[in-house]
Amino acid sequence: MYGLIGKMRTTAGQRDAVVAILLESTRSMPGCLSYVIATDPSDENGIWVTEVWESKDMHAASLKLPQVAQAIARARPLIAGFAERFETTPVGGYGIER
């Protein structure tokens, strides 16, 4: 499995709009075992995304899906930048079925 944990920062006041874009565009992605979007309680513009994929290749392929490409295009003007980014190797856990 392949995992990513990353934080993005939105432009002021746009966090809810970006969360909505992420939620509507990430419902069906082949190879995705978990995709959790969370707001940062200590940063009014911060969003954390935690992902678990069958493989790194499946994650890379997801970036070419039409709904993901459209979401990136819609969200890009609302994103101020990216902060922490961690790659992980998930080994299992509640909610992750292999």
C-alpha atoms as a PDB file:
ATOM      1  CA  MET A   1       0.000   0.000   0.000  1.00  0.00           C
ATOM      2  CA  TYR A   2       0.975   3.630  -0.430  1.00  0.00           C
ATOM      3  CA  GLY A   3      -0.023   6.527   1.804  1.00  0.00           C
ATOM      4  CA  LEU A   4       0.128  10.297   1.748  1.00  0.00           C
ATOM      5  CA  ILE A   5      -0.598  12.826   4.463  1.00  0.00           C
ATOM      6  CA  GLY A   6      -0.506  16.441   3.385  1.00  0.00           C
ATOM      7  CA  LYS A   7      -1.568  19.896   4.425  1.00  0.00           C
ATOM      8  CA  MET A   8      -2.718  22.610   2.075  1.00  0.00           C
ATOM      9  CA  ARG A   9      -3.526  26.204   2.900  1.00  0.00           C
ATOM     10  CA  THR A  10      -6.295  28.045   1.133  1.00  0.00           C
ATOM     11  CA  THR A  11      -6.560  31.730   0.432  1.00  0.00           C
ATOM     12  CA  ALA A  12      -8.411  33.597   3.196  1.00  0.00           C
ATOM     13  CA  GLY A  13     -12.014  32.527   3.548  1.00  0.00           C
ATOM     14  CA  GLN A  14     -11.883  29.812   0.880  1.00  0.00           C
ATOM     15  CA  ARG A  15     -11.352  26.693   3.012  1.00  0.00           C
ATOM     16  CA  ASP A  16     -14.988  25.544   2.860  1.00  0.00           C
ATOM     17  CA  ALA A  17     -15.062  25.982  -0.924  1.00  0.00           C
ATOM     18  CA  VAL A  18     -11.933  23.854  -1.373  1.00  0.00           C
ATOM     19  CA  VAL A  19     -13.256  21.200   1.026  1.00  0.00           C
ATOM     20  CA  ALA A  20     -16.469  21.029  -1.043  1.00  0.00           C
ATOM     21  CA  ILE A  21     -14.496  20.607  -4.273  1.00  0.00           C
ATOM     22  CA  LEU A  22     -12.403  17.824  -2.728  1.00  0.00           C
ATOM     23  CA  LEU A  23     -15.428  16.026  -1.308  1.00  0.00           C
ATOM     24  CA  GLU A  24     -17.359  16.016  -4.573  1.00  0.00           C
ATOM     25  CA  SER A  25     -14.424  14.964  -6.758  1.00  0.00           C
ATOM     26  CA  THR A  26     -12.975  12.120  -4.698  1.00  0.00           C
ATOM     27  CA  ARG A  27     -15.912   9.730  -4.390  1.00  0.00           C
ATOM     28  CA  SER A  28     -14.744   7.127  -6.898  1.00  0.00           C
ATOM     29  CA  MET A  29     -11.053   6.696  -7.598  1.00  0.00           C
ATOM     30  CA  PRO A  30      -9.787   3.246  -8.617  1.00  0.00           C
ATOM     31  CA  GLY A  31      -7.193   1.943  -6.170  1.00  0.00           C
ATOM     32  CA  CYS A  32      -8.115   4.394  -3.420  1.00  0.00           C
ATOM     33  CA  LEU A  33      -8.711   2.630  -0.104  1.00  0.00           C
ATOM     34  CA  SER A  34      -9.149   5.758   2.009  1.00  0.00           C
ATOM     35  CA  TYR A  35      -9.311   9.509   1.328  1.00  0.00           C
ATOM     36  CA  VAL A  36      -9.979  11.639   4.384  1.00  0.00           C
ATOM     37  CA  ILE A  37     -10.346  15.415   4.224  1.00  0.00           C
ATOM     38  CA  ALA A  38     -10.094  17.290   7.520  1.00  0.00           C
ATOM     39  CA  THR A  39      -9.994  20.933   8.499  1.00  0.00           C
ATOM     40  CA  ASP A  40      -7.206  22.090  10.799  1.00  0.00           C
ATOM     41  CA  PRO A  41      -8.692  23.428  14.048  1.00  0.00           C
ATOM     42  CA  SER A  42      -5.629  25.608  14.688  1.00  0.00           C
ATOM     43  CA  ASP A  43      -5.425  27.095  11.171  1.00  0.00           C
ATOM     44  CA  GLU A  44      -8.547  28.685   9.689  1.00  0.00           C
ATOM     45  CA  ASN A  45      -7.151  28.186   6.175  1.00  0.00           C
ATOM     46  CA  GLY A  46      -5.660  24.715   6.681  1.00  0.00           C
ATOM     47  CA  ILE A  47      -6.854  21.418   5.232  1.00  0.00           C
ATOM     48  CA  TRP A  48      -5.287  18.006   5.897  1.00  0.00           C
ATOM     49  CA  VAL A  49      -5.712  15.169   3.393  1.00  0.00           C
ATOM     50  CA  THR A  50      -4.882  11.597   4.404  1.00  0.00           C
ATOM     51  CA  GLU A  51      -4.819   9.067   1.576  1.00  0.00           C
ATOM     52  CA  VAL A  52      -4.305   5.302   1.347  1.00  0.00           C
ATOM     53  CA  TRP A  53      -3.861   3.693  -2.062  1.00  0.00           C
ATOM     54  CA  GLU A  54      -3.317   0.156  -3.287  1.00  0.00           C
ATOM     55  CA  SER A  55      -0.043   1.376  -4.796  1.00  0.00           C
ATOM     56  CA  LYS A  56       1.953   4.471  -5.668  1.00  0.00           C
ATOM     57  CA  ASP A  57       1.117   3.848  -9.338  1.00  0.00           C
ATOM     58  CA  MET A  58      -2.627   3.881  -8.564  1.00  0.00           C
ATOM     59  CA  HIS A  59      -2.186   7.255  -6.873  1.00  0.00           C
ATOM     60  CA  ALA A  60      -0.305   8.624  -9.881  1.00  0.00           C
ATOM     61  CA  ALA A  61      -3.011   7.315 -12.231  1.00  0.00           C
ATOM     62  CA  SER A  62      -5.717   9.067 -10.180  1.00  0.00           C
ATOM     63  CA  LEU A  63      -4.263  12.447 -11.076  1.00  0.00           C
ATOM     64  CA  LYS A  64      -5.258  11.774 -14.700  1.00  0.00           C
ATOM     65  CA  LEU A  65      -8.918  11.036 -13.923  1.00  0.00           C
ATOM     66  CA  PRO A  66     -11.233  13.670 -15.472  1.00  0.00           C
ATOM     67  CA  GLN A  67     -12.972  14.502 -12.174  1.00  0.00           C
ATOM     68  CA  VAL A  68      -9.626  14.924 -10.399  1.00  0.00           C
ATOM     69  CA  ALA A  69      -8.194  17.114 -13.174  1.00  0.00           C
ATOM     70  CA  GLN A  70     -11.339  19.268 -13.086  1.00  0.00           C
ATOM     71  CA  ALA A  71     -11.179  19.556  -9.286  1.00  0.00           C
ATOM     72  CA  ILE A  72      -7.533  20.630  -9.446  1.00  0.00           C
ATOM     73  CA  ALA A  73      -8.400  23.298 -12.018  1.00  0.00           C
ATOM     74  CA  ARG A  74     -11.306  24.599  -9.901  1.00  0.00           C
ATOM     75  CA  ALA A  75      -9.391  24.574  -6.606  1.00  0.00           C
ATOM     76  CA  ARG A  76      -6.033  25.916  -7.823  1.00  0.00           C
ATOM     77  CA  PRO A  77      -7.009  29.632  -7.646  1.00  0.00           C
ATOM     78  CA  LEU A  78      -8.269  29.108  -4.071  1.00  0.00           C
ATOM     79  CA  ILE A  79      -5.120  27.407  -2.772  1.00  0.00           C
ATOM     80  CA  ALA A  80      -2.409  29.578  -1.235  1.00  0.00           C
ATOM     81  CA  GLY A  81       0.120  26.759  -0.999  1.00  0.00           C
ATOM     82  CA  PHE A  82       1.103  23.429   0.440  1.00  0.00           C
ATOM     83  CA  ALA A  83       2.804  22.788   3.763  1.00  0.00           C
ATOM     84  CA  GLU A  84       3.799  19.430   5.200  1.00  0.00           C
ATOM     85  CA  ARG A  85       3.715  16.320   2.997  1.00  0.00           C
ATOM     86  CA  PHE A  86       4.539  12.845   4.206  1.00  0.00           C
ATOM     87  CA  GLU A  87       4.689   9.580   2.266  1.00  0.00           C
ATOM     88  CA  THR A  88       3.844   6.490   4.296  1.00  0.00           C
ATOM     89  CA  THR A  89       3.570   2.735   3.887  1.00  0.00           C
ATOM     90  CA  PRO A  90       0.252   1.749   5.471  1.00  0.00           C
ATOM     91  CA  VAL A  91       0.156  -1.751   6.915  1.00  0.00           C
ATOM     92  CA  GLY A  92      -3.554  -1.909   7.756  1.00  0.00           C
ATOM     93  CA  GLY A  93      -5.998  -0.691  10.341  1.00  0.00           C
ATOM     94  CA  TYR A  94      -9.640   0.005  10.916  1.00  0.00           C
ATOM     95  CA  GLY A  95     -11.377   1.144   7.751  1.00  0.00           C
ATOM     96  CA  ILE A  96      -8.664  -0.074   5.377  1.00  0.00           C
ATOM     97  CA  GLU A  97      -9.446  -3.302   3.618  1.00  0.00           C
ATOM     98  CA  ARG A  98      -6.971  -4.825   1.257  1.00  0.00           C
END
